[in-house]
Amino acid sequence: MKNYTIREISEMFELPSSTLRYYESEGLLPEVPKSSSGQRIYSDEHVERLKCINCFKRTGMTIPQLRKFFIYEADEAAHIDKIISLLKDQEQIVNEKLIQLQKDSAHVHHKVEYYSEIKHALENNLPLPVWIDED
């Protein structure tokens, strides 16, 4: 098992060290031991926890929800229904975001095509195209 400094973890996850200390203070990164000189010593377990935190944060999960998840996870058998419910709720949020992102992506693509047509018209002294919504 490898150990990591706060700088290494910070670089690995592109997070400021203050965020790592915040996660620790919020109970998301529990039991981070310190060296005799007071430096935090992170393990592979912390790396795996941070991967999970980053994933859930990207989906929009809040710090209180993350805290709840990790509390539930500490005693999976007693909280399995709560874990499943929390994750299903988050999955629904992610699916809604994906649907919206697909719509937004299509709109941006349509704009790229439109402005490319404008460029073509300007370069060839042609009439400018008219925007047509694709709803």
C-alpha atoms as a PDB file:
ATOM      1  CA  MET A   1       0.000   0.000   0.000  1.00  0.00           C
ATOM      2  CA  LYS A   2       1.361   3.373  -1.063  1.00  0.00           C
ATOM      3  CA  ASN A   3       1.267   6.556   0.985  1.00  0.00           C
ATOM      4  CA  TYR A   4       0.763  10.025  -0.461  1.00  0.00           C
ATOM      5  CA  THR A   5       1.402  13.550   0.712  1.00  0.00           C
ATOM      6  CA  ILE A   6      -1.270  16.228   0.573  1.00  0.00           C
ATOM      7  CA  ARG A   7       0.601  17.770  -2.371  1.00  0.00           C
ATOM      8  CA  GLU A   8       0.529  14.478  -4.298  1.00  0.00           C
ATOM      9  CA  ILE A   9      -3.182  13.994  -3.626  1.00  0.00           C
ATOM     10  CA  SER A  10      -3.873  17.617  -4.485  1.00  0.00           C
ATOM     11  CA  GLU A  11      -2.115  17.211  -7.838  1.00  0.00           C
ATOM     12  CA  MET A  12      -3.668  13.806  -8.502  1.00  0.00           C
ATOM     13  CA  PHE A  13      -7.211  15.134  -8.107  1.00  0.00           C
ATOM     14  CA  GLU A  14      -6.563  18.727  -9.154  1.00  0.00           C
ATOM     15  CA  LEU A  15      -7.953  19.923  -5.846  1.00  0.00           C
ATOM     16  CA  PRO A  16      -6.464  22.566  -3.590  1.00  0.00           C
ATOM     17  CA  SER A  17      -5.133  21.242  -0.307  1.00  0.00           C
ATOM     18  CA  SER A  18      -7.722  23.406   1.449  1.00  0.00           C
ATOM     19  CA  THR A  19     -10.469  21.314  -0.197  1.00  0.00           C
ATOM     20  CA  LEU A  20      -8.840  18.118   1.038  1.00  0.00           C
ATOM     21  CA  ARG A  21      -8.692  19.532   4.569  1.00  0.00           C
ATOM     22  CA  TYR A  22     -12.332  20.638   4.201  1.00  0.00           C
ATOM     23  CA  TYR A  23     -13.394  17.143   3.141  1.00  0.00           C
ATOM     24  CA  GLU A  24     -11.575  15.804   6.174  1.00  0.00           C
ATOM     25  CA  SER A  25     -13.282  18.305   8.507  1.00  0.00           C
ATOM     26  CA  GLU A  26     -16.668  17.367   6.988  1.00  0.00           C
ATOM     27  CA  GLY A  27     -16.048  13.682   7.689  1.00  0.00           C
ATOM     28  CA  LEU A  28     -15.743  12.719   4.038  1.00  0.00           C
ATOM     29  CA  LEU A  29     -12.085  11.753   4.431  1.00  0.00           C
ATOM     30  CA  PRO A  30     -11.952  10.226   7.876  1.00  0.00           C
ATOM     31  CA  GLU A  31      -8.897   9.075   9.741  1.00  0.00           C
ATOM     32  CA  VAL A  32      -6.133  10.792   7.816  1.00  0.00           C
ATOM     33  CA  PRO A  33      -3.100  10.027   9.967  1.00  0.00           C
ATOM     34  CA  LYS A  34      -0.273  12.507  10.382  1.00  0.00           C
ATOM     35  CA  SER A  35       3.459  12.021  10.432  1.00  0.00           C
ATOM     36  CA  SER A  36       5.526  12.976  13.456  1.00  0.00           C
ATOM     37  CA  SER A  37       6.058  16.355  11.786  1.00  0.00           C
ATOM     38  CA  GLY A  38       2.286  16.846  11.386  1.00  0.00           C
ATOM     39  CA  GLN A  39       2.010  16.154   7.650  1.00  0.00           C
ATOM     40  CA  ARG A  40      -1.067  14.287   6.501  1.00  0.00           C
ATOM     41  CA  ILE A  41      -0.453  10.784   5.178  1.00  0.00           C
ATOM     42  CA  TYR A  42      -2.978   9.585   2.608  1.00  0.00           C
ATOM     43  CA  SER A  43      -3.385   5.953   1.595  1.00  0.00           C
ATOM     44  CA  ASP A  44      -4.830   4.080  -1.371  1.00  0.00           C
ATOM     45  CA  GLU A  45      -8.110   3.958   0.582  1.00  0.00           C
ATOM     46  CA  HIS A  46      -8.194   7.756   0.604  1.00  0.00           C
ATOM     47  CA  VAL A  47      -7.501   7.773  -3.132  1.00  0.00           C
ATOM     48  CA  GLU A  48     -10.467   5.447  -3.721  1.00  0.00           C
ATOM     49  CA  ARG A  49     -12.677   7.579  -1.462  1.00  0.00           C
ATOM     50  CA  LEU A  50     -11.669  10.724  -3.358  1.00  0.00           C
ATOM     51  CA  LYS A  51     -12.491   9.046  -6.681  1.00  0.00           C
ATOM     52  CA  CYS A  52     -15.966   8.365  -5.316  1.00  0.00           C
ATOM     53  CA  ILE A  53     -16.334  11.898  -3.927  1.00  0.00           C
ATOM     54  CA  ASN A  54     -15.270  13.449  -7.235  1.00  0.00           C
ATOM     55  CA  CYS A  55     -17.646  11.248  -9.202  1.00  0.00           C
ATOM     56  CA  PHE A  56     -20.589  12.081  -6.956  1.00  0.00           C
ATOM     57  CA  LYS A  57     -19.687  15.791  -6.878  1.00  0.00           C
ATOM     58  CA  ARG A  58     -19.646  15.877 -10.684  1.00  0.00           C
ATOM     59  CA  THR A  59     -23.186  14.498 -10.640  1.00  0.00           C
ATOM     60  CA  GLY A  60     -24.245  17.353  -8.377  1.00  0.00           C
ATOM     61  CA  MET A  61     -24.303  15.502  -5.073  1.00  0.00           C
ATOM     62  CA  THR A  62     -23.991  17.885  -2.147  1.00  0.00           C
ATOM     63  CA  ILE A  63     -21.645  17.617   0.828  1.00  0.00           C
ATOM     64  CA  PRO A  64     -24.532  16.656   3.170  1.00  0.00           C
ATOM     65  CA  GLN A  65     -25.622  13.956   0.707  1.00  0.00           C
ATOM     66  CA  LEU A  66     -22.056  12.682   0.454  1.00  0.00           C
ATOM     67  CA  ARG A  67     -21.754  12.628   4.224  1.00  0.00           C
ATOM     68  CA  LYS A  68     -25.033  10.695   4.447  1.00  0.00           C
ATOM     69  CA  PHE A  69     -23.865   8.207   1.813  1.00  0.00           C
ATOM     70  CA  PHE A  70     -20.612   7.491   3.640  1.00  0.00           C
ATOM     71  CA  ILE A  71     -22.416   7.134   6.977  1.00  0.00           C
ATOM     72  CA  TYR A  72     -24.794   4.642   5.361  1.00  0.00           C
ATOM     73  CA  GLU A  73     -21.919   2.875   3.631  1.00  0.00           C
ATOM     74  CA  ALA A  74     -20.127   2.358   6.947  1.00  0.00           C
ATOM     75  CA  ASP A  75     -22.945  -0.037   7.912  1.00  0.00           C
ATOM     76  CA  GLU A  76     -24.270  -1.220   4.570  1.00  0.00           C
ATOM     77  CA  ALA A  77     -26.411  -4.017   5.967  1.00  0.00           C
ATOM     78  CA  ALA A  78     -28.350  -1.667   8.236  1.00  0.00           C
ATOM     79  CA  HIS A  79     -28.746   1.059   5.604  1.00  0.00           C
ATOM     80  CA  ILE A  80     -28.910  -0.782   2.286  1.00  0.00           C
ATOM     81  CA  ASP A  81     -32.364   0.592   1.406  1.00  0.00           C
ATOM     82  CA  LYS A  82     -31.232   4.149   2.173  1.00  0.00           C
ATOM     83  CA  ILE A  83     -28.093   3.680   0.048  1.00  0.00           C
ATOM     84  CA  ILE A  84     -30.116   2.399  -2.884  1.00  0.00           C
ATOM     85  CA  SER A  85     -32.670   5.195  -2.523  1.00  0.00           C
ATOM     86  CA  LEU A  86     -30.011   7.914  -2.345  1.00  0.00           C
ATOM     87  CA  LEU A  87     -28.191   6.516  -5.376  1.00  0.00           C
ATOM     88  CA  LYS A  88     -31.403   6.063  -7.381  1.00  0.00           C
ATOM     89  CA  ASP A  89     -32.304   9.702  -6.685  1.00  0.00           C
ATOM     90  CA  GLN A  90     -28.854  10.789  -7.853  1.00  0.00           C
ATOM     91  CA  GLU A  91     -29.101   8.564 -10.911  1.00  0.00           C
ATOM     92  CA  GLN A  92     -32.373  10.283 -11.837  1.00  0.00           C
ATOM     93  CA  ILE A  93     -30.722  13.694 -11.486  1.00  0.00           C
ATOM     94  CA  VAL A  94     -27.848  12.557 -13.713  1.00  0.00           C
ATOM     95  CA  ASN A  95     -30.258  11.198 -16.326  1.00  0.00           C
ATOM     96  CA  GLU A  96     -32.161  14.495 -16.387  1.00  0.00           C
ATOM     97  CA  LYS A  97     -28.876  16.377 -16.797  1.00  0.00           C
ATOM     98  CA  LEU A  98     -27.860  14.062 -19.639  1.00  0.00           C
ATOM     99  CA  ILE A  99     -31.126  14.683 -21.452  1.00  0.00           C
ATOM    100  CA  GLN A 100     -30.650  18.436 -21.083  1.00  0.00           C
ATOM    101  CA  LEU A 101     -27.011  18.211 -22.185  1.00  0.00           C
ATOM    102  CA  GLN A 102     -28.058  16.285 -25.302  1.00  0.00           C
ATOM    103  CA  LYS A 103     -30.565  19.025 -26.129  1.00  0.00           C
ATOM    104  CA  ASP A 104     -27.959  21.706 -25.486  1.00  0.00           C
ATOM    105  CA  SER A 105     -25.408  19.856 -27.596  1.00  0.00           C
ATOM    106  CA  ALA A 106     -27.863  19.637 -30.496  1.00  0.00           C
ATOM    107  CA  HIS A 107     -28.570  23.368 -30.183  1.00  0.00           C
ATOM    108  CA  VAL A 108     -24.855  24.221 -30.222  1.00  0.00           C
ATOM    109  CA  HIS A 109     -24.359  21.943 -33.229  1.00  0.00           C
ATOM    110  CA  HIS A 110     -27.218  23.686 -35.031  1.00  0.00           C
ATOM    111  CA  LYS A 111     -25.607  27.068 -34.254  1.00  0.00           C
ATOM    112  CA  VAL A 112     -22.257  25.864 -35.638  1.00  0.00           C
ATOM    113  CA  GLU A 113     -23.985  24.795 -38.850  1.00  0.00           C
ATOM    114  CA  TYR A 114     -25.871  28.111 -39.051  1.00  0.00           C
ATOM    115  CA  TYR A 115     -22.793  30.276 -38.581  1.00  0.00           C
ATOM    116  CA  SER A 116     -20.822  28.100 -40.990  1.00  0.00           C
ATOM    117  CA  GLU A 117     -23.547  28.785 -43.566  1.00  0.00           C
ATOM    118  CA  ILE A 118     -23.257  32.523 -42.816  1.00  0.00           C
ATOM    119  CA  LYS A 119     -19.487  32.342 -43.358  1.00  0.00           C
ATOM    120  CA  HIS A 120     -19.983  30.482 -46.623  1.00  0.00           C
ATOM    121  CA  ALA A 121     -22.562  33.052 -47.761  1.00  0.00           C
ATOM    122  CA  LEU A 122     -20.277  35.966 -46.873  1.00  0.00           C
ATOM    123  CA  GLU A 123     -17.289  34.426 -48.643  1.00  0.00           C
ATOM    124  CA  ASN A 124     -19.328  33.706 -51.789  1.00  0.00           C
ATOM    125  CA  ASN A 125     -21.470  36.832 -51.862  1.00  0.00           C
ATOM    126  CA  LEU A 126     -24.644  34.775 -51.347  1.00  0.00           C
ATOM    127  CA  PRO A 127     -27.786  35.666 -49.406  1.00  0.00           C
ATOM    128  CA  LEU A 128     -27.471  35.117 -45.675  1.00  0.00           C
ATOM    129  CA  PRO A 129     -29.309  32.106 -44.284  1.00  0.00           C
ATOM    130  CA  VAL A 130     -32.300  32.485 -41.987  1.00  0.00           C
ATOM    131  CA  TRP A 131     -32.204  30.866 -38.535  1.00  0.00           C
ATOM    132  CA  ILE A 132     -34.761  28.093 -38.186  1.00  0.00           C
ATOM    133  CA  ASP A 133     -35.414  26.630 -34.739  1.00  0.00           C
ATOM    134  CA  GLU A 134     -35.178  22.868 -34.558  1.00  0.00           C
ATOM    135  CA  ASP A 135     -37.585  22.311 -31.676  1.00  0.00           C
END
